PDB file of N, CA and C in Angstrom:
ATOM      1  N   MET A   1     -12.633   0.771 -11.266  1.00  0.00           N
ATOM      2  CA  MET A   1     -12.463  -0.182 -10.477  1.00  0.00           C
ATOM      3  C   MET A   1     -11.185  -1.386 -10.976  1.00  0.00           C
ATOM      4  N   SER A   2     -10.292  -1.653 -10.380  1.00  0.00           N
ATOM      5  CA  SER A   2      -9.332  -2.169 -10.670  1.00  0.00           C
ATOM      6  C   SER A   2      -9.472  -3.795 -10.538  1.00  0.00           C
ATOM      7  N   LYS A   3      -8.443  -4.581 -11.506  1.00  0.00           N
ATOM      8  CA  LYS A   3      -9.255  -5.836 -11.460  1.00  0.00           C
ATOM      9  C   LYS A   3      -8.862  -6.763 -10.099  1.00  0.00           C
ATOM     10  N   GLU A   4      -9.076  -7.856  -9.837  1.00  0.00           N
ATOM     11  CA  GLU A   4      -8.990  -8.546  -8.496  1.00  0.00           C
ATOM     12  C   GLU A   4      -7.397  -8.765  -8.718  1.00  0.00           C
ATOM     13  N   ALA A   5      -6.649  -9.025  -9.937  1.00  0.00           N
ATOM     14  CA  ALA A   5      -5.177  -9.957  -9.695  1.00  0.00           C
ATOM     15  C   ALA A   5      -4.574  -8.981  -9.444  1.00  0.00           C
ATOM     16  N   ILE A   6      -4.476  -7.453  -9.916  1.00  0.00           N
ATOM     17  CA  ILE A   6      -3.781  -6.285  -9.158  1.00  0.00           C
ATOM     18  C   ILE A   6      -3.920  -6.404  -7.721  1.00  0.00           C
ATOM     19  N   LYS A   7      -5.208  -6.715  -7.334  1.00  0.00           N
ATOM     20  CA  LYS A   7      -5.060  -6.311  -5.762  1.00  0.00           C
ATOM     21  C   LYS A   7      -4.246  -7.196  -5.129  1.00  0.00           C
ATOM     22  N   ALA A   8      -4.415  -8.511  -5.649  1.00  0.00           N
ATOM     23  CA  ALA A   8      -3.759  -9.935  -5.221  1.00  0.00           C
ATOM     24  C   ALA A   8      -2.412  -9.751  -5.248  1.00  0.00           C
ATOM     25  N   ARG A   9      -1.967  -9.194  -6.857  1.00  0.00           N
ATOM     26  CA  ARG A   9      -0.625  -9.081  -6.718  1.00  0.00           C
ATOM     27  C   ARG A   9       0.130  -8.211  -5.515  1.00  0.00           C
ATOM     28  N   GLN A  10      -0.609  -6.910  -5.137  1.00  0.00           N
ATOM     29  CA  GLN A  10       0.029  -6.160  -4.229  1.00  0.00           C
ATOM     30  C   GLN A  10      -0.113  -6.817  -2.852  1.00  0.00           C
ATOM     31  N   LYS A  11      -0.996  -7.752  -2.639  1.00  0.00           N
ATOM     32  CA  LYS A  11      -1.006  -8.455  -1.271  1.00  0.00           C
ATOM     33  C   LYS A  11      -0.111  -9.085  -1.105  1.00  0.00           C
ATOM     34  N   LYS A  12       0.716 -10.164  -2.544  1.00  0.00           N
ATOM     35  CA  LYS A  12       1.655 -10.968  -2.536  1.00  0.00           C
ATOM     36  C   LYS A  12       2.966 -10.141  -2.424  1.00  0.00           C
ATOM     37  N   ARG A  13       2.986  -8.993  -2.791  1.00  0.00           N
ATOM     38  CA  ARG A  13       4.038  -7.967  -2.614  1.00  0.00           C
ATOM     39  C   ARG A  13       4.220  -7.564  -0.758  1.00  0.00           C
ATOM     40  N   ARG A  14       3.175  -7.293  -0.567  1.00  0.00           N
ATOM     41  CA  ARG A  14       3.495  -7.080   1.087  1.00  0.00           C
ATOM     42  C   ARG A  14       3.716  -8.134   1.852  1.00  0.00           C
ATOM     43  N   ILE A  15       3.276  -9.244   1.747  1.00  0.00           N
ATOM     44  CA  ILE A  15       3.502 -10.160   2.505  1.00  0.00           C
ATOM     45  C   ILE A  15       5.456 -10.637   2.134  1.00  0.00           C
ATOM     46  N   LEU A  16       5.428 -10.370   1.306  1.00  0.00           N
ATOM     47  CA  LEU A  16       7.183 -10.878   0.668  1.00  0.00           C
ATOM     48  C   LEU A  16       7.970  -9.708   1.442  1.00  0.00           C
ATOM     49  N   VAL A  17       7.664  -8.760   1.474  1.00  0.00           N
ATOM     50  CA  VAL A  17       8.241  -7.397   2.018  1.00  0.00           C
ATOM     51  C   VAL A  17       8.472  -7.507   3.532  1.00  0.00           C
ATOM     52  N   GLU A  18       7.219  -8.046   4.527  1.00  0.00           N
ATOM     53  CA  GLU A  18       7.632  -8.409   5.501  1.00  0.00           C
ATOM     54  C   GLU A  18       8.273  -9.556   5.797  1.00  0.00           C
ATOM     55  N   LYS A  19       8.065 -10.474   4.976  1.00  0.00           N
ATOM     56  CA  LYS A  19       9.141 -11.709   5.260  1.00  0.00           C
ATOM     57  C   LYS A  19      10.500 -11.506   5.348  1.00  0.00           C
ATOM     58  N   TYR A  20      10.890 -10.909   4.156  1.00  0.00           N
ATOM     59  CA  TYR A  20      12.290 -10.462   4.021  1.00  0.00           C
ATOM     60  C   TYR A  20      12.978  -9.262   4.538  1.00  0.00           C
ATOM     61  N   SER A  21      12.284  -8.479   5.190  1.00  0.00           N
ATOM     62  CA  SER A  21      12.721  -7.175   5.887  1.00  0.00           C
ATOM     63  C   SER A  21      14.086  -7.266   6.592  1.00  0.00           C
ATOM     64  N   LYS A  22      13.944  -8.636   7.432  1.00  0.00           N
ATOM     65  CA  LYS A  22      14.945  -8.610   8.642  1.00  0.00           C
ATOM     66  C   LYS A  22      16.203  -8.848   7.885  1.00  0.00           C
ATOM     67  N   LYS A  23      16.180  -9.740   6.618  1.00  0.00           N
ATOM     68  CA  LYS A  23      17.219 -10.405   5.923  1.00  0.00           C
ATOM     69  C   LYS A  23      17.990  -8.900   5.135  1.00  0.00           C
ATOM     70  N   ARG A  24      16.837  -8.441   4.993  1.00  0.00           N
ATOM     71  CA  ARG A  24      17.036  -6.878   3.801  1.00  0.00           C
ATOM     72  C   ARG A  24      18.020  -5.900   5.109  1.00  0.00           C
ATOM     73  N   ALA A  25      17.454  -5.734   6.300  1.00  0.00           N
ATOM     74  CA  ALA A  25      18.143  -4.774   6.835  1.00  0.00           C
ATOM     75  C   ALA A  25      19.437  -5.026   7.110  1.00  0.00           C
ATOM     76  N   TYR A  26      19.638  -6.418   7.645  1.00  0.00           N
ATOM     77  CA  TYR A  26      20.713  -6.958   8.082  1.00  0.00           C
ATOM     78  C   TYR A  26      22.057  -6.683   6.928  1.00  0.00           C
ATOM     79  N   SER A  27      21.490  -6.959   5.286  1.00  0.00           N
ATOM     80  CA  SER A  27      22.543  -7.016   4.530  1.00  0.00           C
ATOM     81  C   SER A  27      22.776  -5.701   4.424  1.00  0.00           C
ATOM     82  N   LYS A  28      21.953  -4.860   4.554  1.00  0.00           N
ATOM     83  CA  LYS A  28      21.866  -3.303   4.316  1.00  0.00           C
ATOM     84  C   LYS A  28      23.073  -3.054   5.336  1.00  0.00           C
ATOM     85  N   ASN A  29      23.127  -3.058   6.514  1.00  0.00           N
ATOM     86  CA  ASN A  29      23.795  -2.690   7.447  1.00  0.00           C
ATOM     87  C   ASN A  29      25.267  -3.343   7.298  1.00  0.00           C
ATOM     88  N   ILE A  30      25.452  -4.439   6.835  1.00  0.00           N
ATOM     89  CA  ILE A  30      26.960  -4.867   6.437  1.00  0.00           C
ATOM     90  C   ILE A  30      27.315  -4.386   5.077  1.00  0.00           C
ATOM     91  N   VAL A  31      26.114  -4.064   3.975  1.00  0.00           N
ATOM     92  CA  VAL A  31      26.868  -3.215   2.771  1.00  0.00           C
ATOM     93  C   VAL A  31      27.031  -4.346   2.023  1.00  0.00           C
ATOM     94  N   ASP A  32      26.319  -5.692   2.110  1.00  0.00           N
ATOM     95  CA  ASP A  32      26.570  -6.842   1.640  1.00  0.00           C
ATOM     96  C   ASP A  32      25.414  -7.109   0.152  1.00  0.00           C
ATOM     97  N   HIS A  33      25.963  -6.509  -0.941  1.00  0.00           N
ATOM     98  CA  HIS A  33      25.324  -6.290  -2.138  1.00  0.00           C
ATOM     99  C   HIS A  33      24.895  -7.611  -2.613  1.00  0.00           C
ATOM    100  N   ILE A  34      25.685  -8.913  -2.449  1.00  0.00           N
ATOM    101  CA  ILE A  34      25.516  -9.795  -3.116  1.00  0.00           C
ATOM    102  C   ILE A  34      24.207 -10.514  -2.431  1.00  0.00           C
ATOM    103  N   ASN A  35      24.103 -10.572  -1.172  1.00  0.00           N
ATOM    104  CA  ASN A  35      23.069 -11.050  -0.530  1.00  0.00           C
ATOM    105  C   ASN A  35      21.845 -10.456  -1.156  1.00  0.00           C
ATOM    106  N   LEU A  36      21.700  -9.026  -0.779  1.00  0.00           N
ATOM    107  CA  LEU A  36      20.876  -8.222  -1.539  1.00  0.00           C
ATOM    108  C   LEU A  36      20.053  -8.740  -2.868  1.00  0.00           C
ATOM    109  N   GLN A  37      20.998  -8.828  -3.580  1.00  0.00           N
ATOM    110  CA  GLN A  37      20.819  -9.162  -5.144  1.00  0.00           C
ATOM    111  C   GLN A  37      20.099 -10.625  -5.070  1.00  0.00           C
ATOM    112  N   LYS A  38      19.922 -11.436  -4.306  1.00  0.00           N
ATOM    113  CA  LYS A  38      19.494 -12.541  -4.228  1.00  0.00           C
ATOM    114  C   LYS A  38      18.081 -12.595  -3.934  1.00  0.00           C
ATOM    115  N   LEU A  39      17.881 -11.331  -3.072  1.00  0.00           N
ATOM    116  CA  LEU A  39      16.530 -11.625  -2.761  1.00  0.00           C
ATOM    117  C   LEU A  39      15.382 -11.485  -3.748  1.00  0.00           C
ATOM    118  N   PRO A  40      14.434 -11.716  -3.679  1.00  0.00           N
ATOM    119  CA  PRO A  40      12.992 -11.470  -4.847  1.00  0.00           C
ATOM    120  C   PRO A  40      13.120 -10.325  -5.044  1.00  0.00           C
ATOM    121  N   LYS A  41      12.774  -9.901  -6.285  1.00  0.00           N
ATOM    122  CA  LYS A  41      12.700  -8.516  -6.707  1.00  0.00           C
ATOM    123  C   LYS A  41      11.075  -7.565  -5.946  1.00  0.00           C
ATOM    124  N   ASN A  42      10.294  -8.496  -5.840  1.00  0.00           N
ATOM    125  CA  ASN A  42       9.212  -8.108  -5.212  1.00  0.00           C
ATOM    126  C   ASN A  42       9.236  -7.939  -3.588  1.00  0.00           C
ATOM    127  N   ALA A  43      10.345  -8.504  -3.045  1.00  0.00           N
ATOM    128  CA  ALA A  43      10.806  -8.175  -1.660  1.00  0.00           C
ATOM    129  C   ALA A  43      11.254  -6.752  -1.504  1.00  0.00           C
ATOM    130  N   SER A  44      11.315  -5.917  -2.142  1.00  0.00           N
ATOM    131  CA  SER A  44      11.689  -4.595  -2.030  1.00  0.00           C
ATOM    132  C   SER A  44      10.610  -3.417  -1.612  1.00  0.00           C
ATOM    133  N   PRO A  45      10.769  -2.891  -0.323  1.00  0.00           N
ATOM    134  CA  PRO A  45       9.706  -1.901  -0.099  1.00  0.00           C
ATOM    135  C   PRO A  45       9.295  -1.052  -1.221  1.00  0.00           C
ATOM    136  N   VAL A  46      10.253  -0.502  -2.021  1.00  0.00           N
ATOM    137  CA  VAL A  46       9.828   0.283  -3.265  1.00  0.00           C
ATOM    138  C   VAL A  46       8.903  -0.055  -4.054  1.00  0.00           C
ATOM    139  N   ARG A  47       8.812  -1.171  -4.377  1.00  0.00           N
ATOM    140  CA  ARG A  47       7.786  -2.070  -5.238  1.00  0.00           C
ATOM    141  C   ARG A  47       6.423  -1.783  -4.759  1.00  0.00           C
ATOM    142  N   LEU A  48       5.933  -1.427  -3.548  1.00  0.00           N
ATOM    143  CA  LEU A  48       4.651  -1.328  -2.698  1.00  0.00           C
ATOM    144  C   LEU A  48       3.969  -0.106  -3.417  1.00  0.00           C
ATOM    145  N   HIS A  49       3.030  -0.222  -3.816  1.00  0.00           N
ATOM    146  CA  HIS A  49       2.275   0.780  -4.353  1.00  0.00           C
ATOM    147  C   HIS A  49       0.776   1.220  -3.108  1.00  0.00           C
ATOM    148  N   ASN A  50       0.363   2.552  -3.275  1.00  0.00           N
ATOM    149  CA  ASN A  50      -0.573   2.826  -2.126  1.00  0.00           C
ATOM    150  C   ASN A  50      -2.033   2.674  -3.379  1.00  0.00           C
ATOM    151  N   ILE A  51      -2.719   1.398  -2.720  1.00  0.00           N
ATOM    152  CA  ILE A  51      -3.832   1.353  -3.266  1.00  0.00           C
ATOM    153  C   ILE A  51      -5.538   1.271  -2.359  1.00  0.00           C
ATOM    154  N   CYS A  52      -6.009   1.798  -3.133  1.00  0.00           N
ATOM    155  CA  CYS A  52      -7.750   1.955  -2.196  1.00  0.00           C
ATOM    156  C   CYS A  52      -7.882   0.631  -1.987  1.00  0.00           C
ATOM    157  N   ASN A  53      -8.219   0.473  -0.613  1.00  0.00           N
ATOM    158  CA  ASN A  53      -8.728  -0.833  -0.013  1.00  0.00           C
ATOM    159  C   ASN A  53     -10.324  -1.072  -0.887  1.00  0.00           C
ATOM    160  N   ILE A  54     -11.041  -0.336  -1.103  1.00  0.00           N
ATOM    161  CA  ILE A  54     -12.290  -0.593  -1.750  1.00  0.00           C
ATOM    162  C   ILE A  54     -12.487  -0.622  -3.106  1.00  0.00           C
ATOM    163  N   THR A  55     -11.626   0.257  -3.925  1.00  0.00           N
ATOM    164  CA  THR A  55     -11.913   0.025  -5.547  1.00  0.00           C
ATOM    165  C   THR A  55     -10.438  -0.211  -6.066  1.00  0.00           C
ATOM    166  N   GLY A  56      -9.429  -0.334  -5.494  1.00  0.00           N
ATOM    167  CA  GLY A  56      -8.154  -0.423  -5.948  1.00  0.00           C
ATOM    168  C   GLY A  56      -7.375   0.731  -6.967  1.00  0.00           C
ATOM    169  N   ARG A  57      -8.123   1.732  -6.644  1.00  0.00           N
ATOM    170  CA  ARG A  57      -7.478   3.026  -7.533  1.00  0.00           C
ATOM    171  C   ARG A  57      -6.069   3.456  -6.857  1.00  0.00           C
ATOM    172  N   THR A  58      -5.222   3.601  -7.609  1.00  0.00           N
ATOM    173  CA  THR A  58      -3.693   4.153  -6.976  1.00  0.00           C
ATOM    174  C   THR A  58      -3.582   5.333  -7.228  1.00  0.00           C
ATOM    175  N   LYS A  59      -4.426   6.488  -7.632  1.00  0.00           N
ATOM    176  CA  LYS A  59      -4.460   7.819  -7.787  1.00  0.00           C
ATOM    177  C   LYS A  59      -5.170   8.635  -6.794  1.00  0.00           C
ATOM    178  N   GLY A  60      -4.631   9.581  -6.081  1.00  0.00           N
ATOM    179  CA  GLY A  60      -5.738  10.062  -5.171  1.00  0.00           C
ATOM    180  C   GLY A  60      -5.860   9.323  -4.101  1.00  0.00           C
ATOM    181  N   TYR A  61      -4.787   8.715  -3.720  1.00  0.00           N
ATOM    182  CA  TYR A  61      -4.894   7.986  -2.247  1.00  0.00           C
ATOM    183  C   TYR A  61      -4.788   9.062  -1.156  1.00  0.00           C
ATOM    184  N   ILE A  62      -5.578   8.575   0.170  1.00  0.00           N
ATOM    185  CA  ILE A  62      -5.504   9.093   1.125  1.00  0.00           C
ATOM    186  C   ILE A  62      -4.860   8.584   2.501  1.00  0.00           C
ATOM    187  N   ARG A  63      -3.372   8.704   2.975  1.00  0.00           N
ATOM    188  CA  ARG A  63      -2.798   7.469   3.739  1.00  0.00           C
ATOM    189  C   ARG A  63      -3.907   7.472   4.968  1.00  0.00           C
ATOM    190  N   LYS A  64      -4.116   8.144   5.269  1.00  0.00           N
ATOM    191  CA  LYS A  64      -4.530   8.234   6.730  1.00  0.00           C
ATOM    192  C   LYS A  64      -5.887   7.535   6.767  1.00  0.00           C
ATOM    193  N   PHE A  65      -6.583   7.305   5.502  1.00  0.00           N
ATOM    194  CA  PHE A  65      -7.756   6.210   5.724  1.00  0.00           C
ATOM    195  C   PHE A  65      -7.818   5.332   4.551  1.00  0.00           C
ATOM    196  N   GLY A  66      -6.625   5.063   3.982  1.00  0.00           N
ATOM    197  CA  GLY A  66      -6.402   3.915   3.188  1.00  0.00           C
ATOM    198  C   GLY A  66      -7.193   3.792   2.013  1.00  0.00           C
ATOM    199  N   ILE A  67      -8.120   5.088   1.637  1.00  0.00           N
ATOM    200  CA  ILE A  67      -9.026   4.531   0.431  1.00  0.00           C
ATOM    201  C   ILE A  67      -8.578   5.646  -0.464  1.00  0.00           C
ATOM    202  N   SER A  68      -9.270   6.054  -1.723  1.00  0.00           N
ATOM    203  CA  SER A  68      -9.062   6.754  -2.418  1.00  0.00           C
ATOM    204  C   SER A  68      -9.753   8.250  -2.161  1.00  0.00           C
ATOM    205  N   ARG A  69      -9.404   9.026  -2.836  1.00  0.00           N
ATOM    206  CA  ARG A  69     -10.275  10.629  -2.859  1.00  0.00           C
ATOM    207  C   ARG A  69     -11.610  10.549  -2.894  1.00  0.00           C
ATOM    208  N   LEU A  70     -12.098   9.724  -4.136  1.00  0.00           N
ATOM    209  CA  LEU A  70     -13.553   9.679  -4.094  1.00  0.00           C
ATOM    210  C   LEU A  70     -14.279   8.855  -3.446  1.00  0.00           C
ATOM    211  N   GLU A  71     -13.543   7.814  -2.861  1.00  0.00           N
ATOM    212  CA  GLU A  71     -14.354   6.620  -2.050  1.00  0.00           C
ATOM    213  C   GLU A  71     -14.790   7.693  -0.420  1.00  0.00           C
ATOM    214  N   PHE A  72     -13.370   8.400  -0.631  1.00  0.00           N
ATOM    215  CA  PHE A  72     -13.497   9.040   0.794  1.00  0.00           C
ATOM    216  C   PHE A  72     -14.752  10.168   0.852  1.00  0.00           C
ATOM    217  N   ARG A  73     -14.729  10.791  -0.197  1.00  0.00           N
ATOM    218  CA  ARG A  73     -15.805  11.700  -0.186  1.00  0.00           C
ATOM    219  C   ARG A  73     -17.161  10.967  -0.233  1.00  0.00           C
ATOM    220  N   ARG A  74     -17.235   9.768  -1.053  1.00  0.00           N
ATOM    221  CA  ARG A  74     -18.785   9.397  -0.947  1.00  0.00           C
ATOM    222  C   ARG A  74     -19.033   8.934   0.335  1.00  0.00           C
ATOM    223  N   LEU A  75     -17.872   8.282   1.342  1.00  0.00           N
ATOM    224  CA  LEU A  75     -18.234   7.578   2.500  1.00  0.00           C
ATOM    225  C   LEU A  75     -18.485   8.884   3.318  1.00  0.00           C
ATOM    226  N   ALA A  76     -17.751  10.104   3.092  1.00  0.00           N
ATOM    227  CA  ALA A  76     -18.076  11.157   4.271  1.00  0.00           C
ATOM    228  C   ALA A  76     -19.119  11.823   3.970  1.00  0.00           C
ATOM    229  N   SER A  77     -19.791  11.923   2.881  1.00  0.00           N
ATOM    230  CA  SER A  77     -20.888  12.450   2.456  1.00  0.00           C
ATOM    231  C   SER A  77     -22.145  11.506   3.429  1.00  0.00           C
ATOM    232  N   GLN A  78     -21.949  10.382   3.062  1.00  0.00           N
ATOM    233  CA  GLN A  78     -22.989   9.453   3.834  1.00  0.00           C
ATOM    234  C   GLN A  78     -22.908   9.454   5.401  1.00  0.00           C
ATOM    235  N   GLY A  79     -21.623   9.965   5.668  1.00  0.00           N
ATOM    236  CA  GLY A  79     -21.562  10.061   7.274  1.00  0.00           C
ATOM    237  C   GLY A  79     -21.042   8.670   7.975  1.00  0.00           C
ATOM    238  N   LEU A  80     -20.172   8.035   6.945  1.00  0.00           N
ATOM    239  CA  LEU A  80     -20.043   6.554   7.269  1.00  0.00           C
ATOM    240  C   LEU A  80     -18.458   6.530   7.997  1.00  0.00           C
ATOM    241  N   ILE A  81     -17.774   8.026   7.769  1.00  0.00           N
ATOM    242  CA  ILE A  81     -16.274   8.119   8.388  1.00  0.00           C
ATOM    243  C   ILE A  81     -16.762   8.660   9.506  1.00  0.00           C
ATOM    244  N   PRO A  82     -16.154   8.011  11.075  1.00  0.00           N
ATOM    245  CA  PRO A  82     -16.437   8.775  11.970  1.00  0.00           C
ATOM    246  C   PRO A  82     -15.604   9.768  12.700  1.00  0.00           C
ATOM    247  N   GLY A  83     -16.049  10.943  12.985  1.00  0.00           N
ATOM    248  CA  GLY A  83     -14.784  12.162  13.003  1.00  0.00           C
ATOM    249  C   GLY A  83     -14.789  13.139  11.618  1.00  0.00           C
ATOM    250  N   VAL A  84     -15.472  12.892  10.454  1.00  0.00           N
ATOM    251  CA  VAL A  84     -15.349  13.568   9.635  1.00  0.00           C
ATOM    252  C   VAL A  84     -16.581  14.253   9.273  1.00  0.00           C
ATOM    253  N   ARG A  85     -16.415  15.600   8.855  1.00  0.00           N
ATOM    254  CA  ARG A  85     -17.829  16.213   8.460  1.00  0.00           C
ATOM    255  C   ARG A  85     -17.393  17.374   7.291  1.00  0.00           C
ATOM    256  N   LYS A  86     -18.395  17.835   6.627  1.00  0.00           N
ATOM    257  CA  LYS A  86     -18.403  18.564   5.398  1.00  0.00           C
ATOM    258  C   LYS A  86     -17.659  19.792   6.305  1.00  0.00           C
ATOM    259  N   ALA A  87     -17.139  20.597   5.379  1.00  0.00           N
ATOM    260  CA  ALA A  87     -16.709  21.913   6.143  1.00  0.00           C
ATOM    261  C   ALA A  87     -17.706  23.019   5.506  1.00  0.00           C
ATOM    262  N   SER A  88     -18.227  23.083   4.619  1.00  0.00           N
ATOM    263  CA  SER A  88     -19.294  23.882   4.376  1.00  0.00           C
ATOM    264  C   SER A  88     -20.338  23.156   3.740  1.00  0.00           C
ATOM    265  N   TRP A  89     -21.439  24.047   3.848  1.00  0.00           N
ATOM    266  CA  TRP A  89     -22.689  23.393   2.908  1.00  0.00           C
ATOM    267  C   TRP A  89     -22.980  24.339   1.975  1.00  0.00           C
TER     268      TRP A  89
END
């Protein structure tokens, strides 16, 4: 389990990326590096990580479901993910 602070930090980054996305796109079109450098570091979409919504795990992340492979397996075995079933028994 990851710490709540890591999840909160990631949430802050996501908000900043959305907030500055228009300014970033405008500055990139003009090739204005000075204005790009003035933006906060965390406003860059490169700094975002894929994190499991349940556990906060960063590795083994499945984009389609937004969770890690371990949580996916657990939830799929319990039948809690619609449209997903085991391939073999």
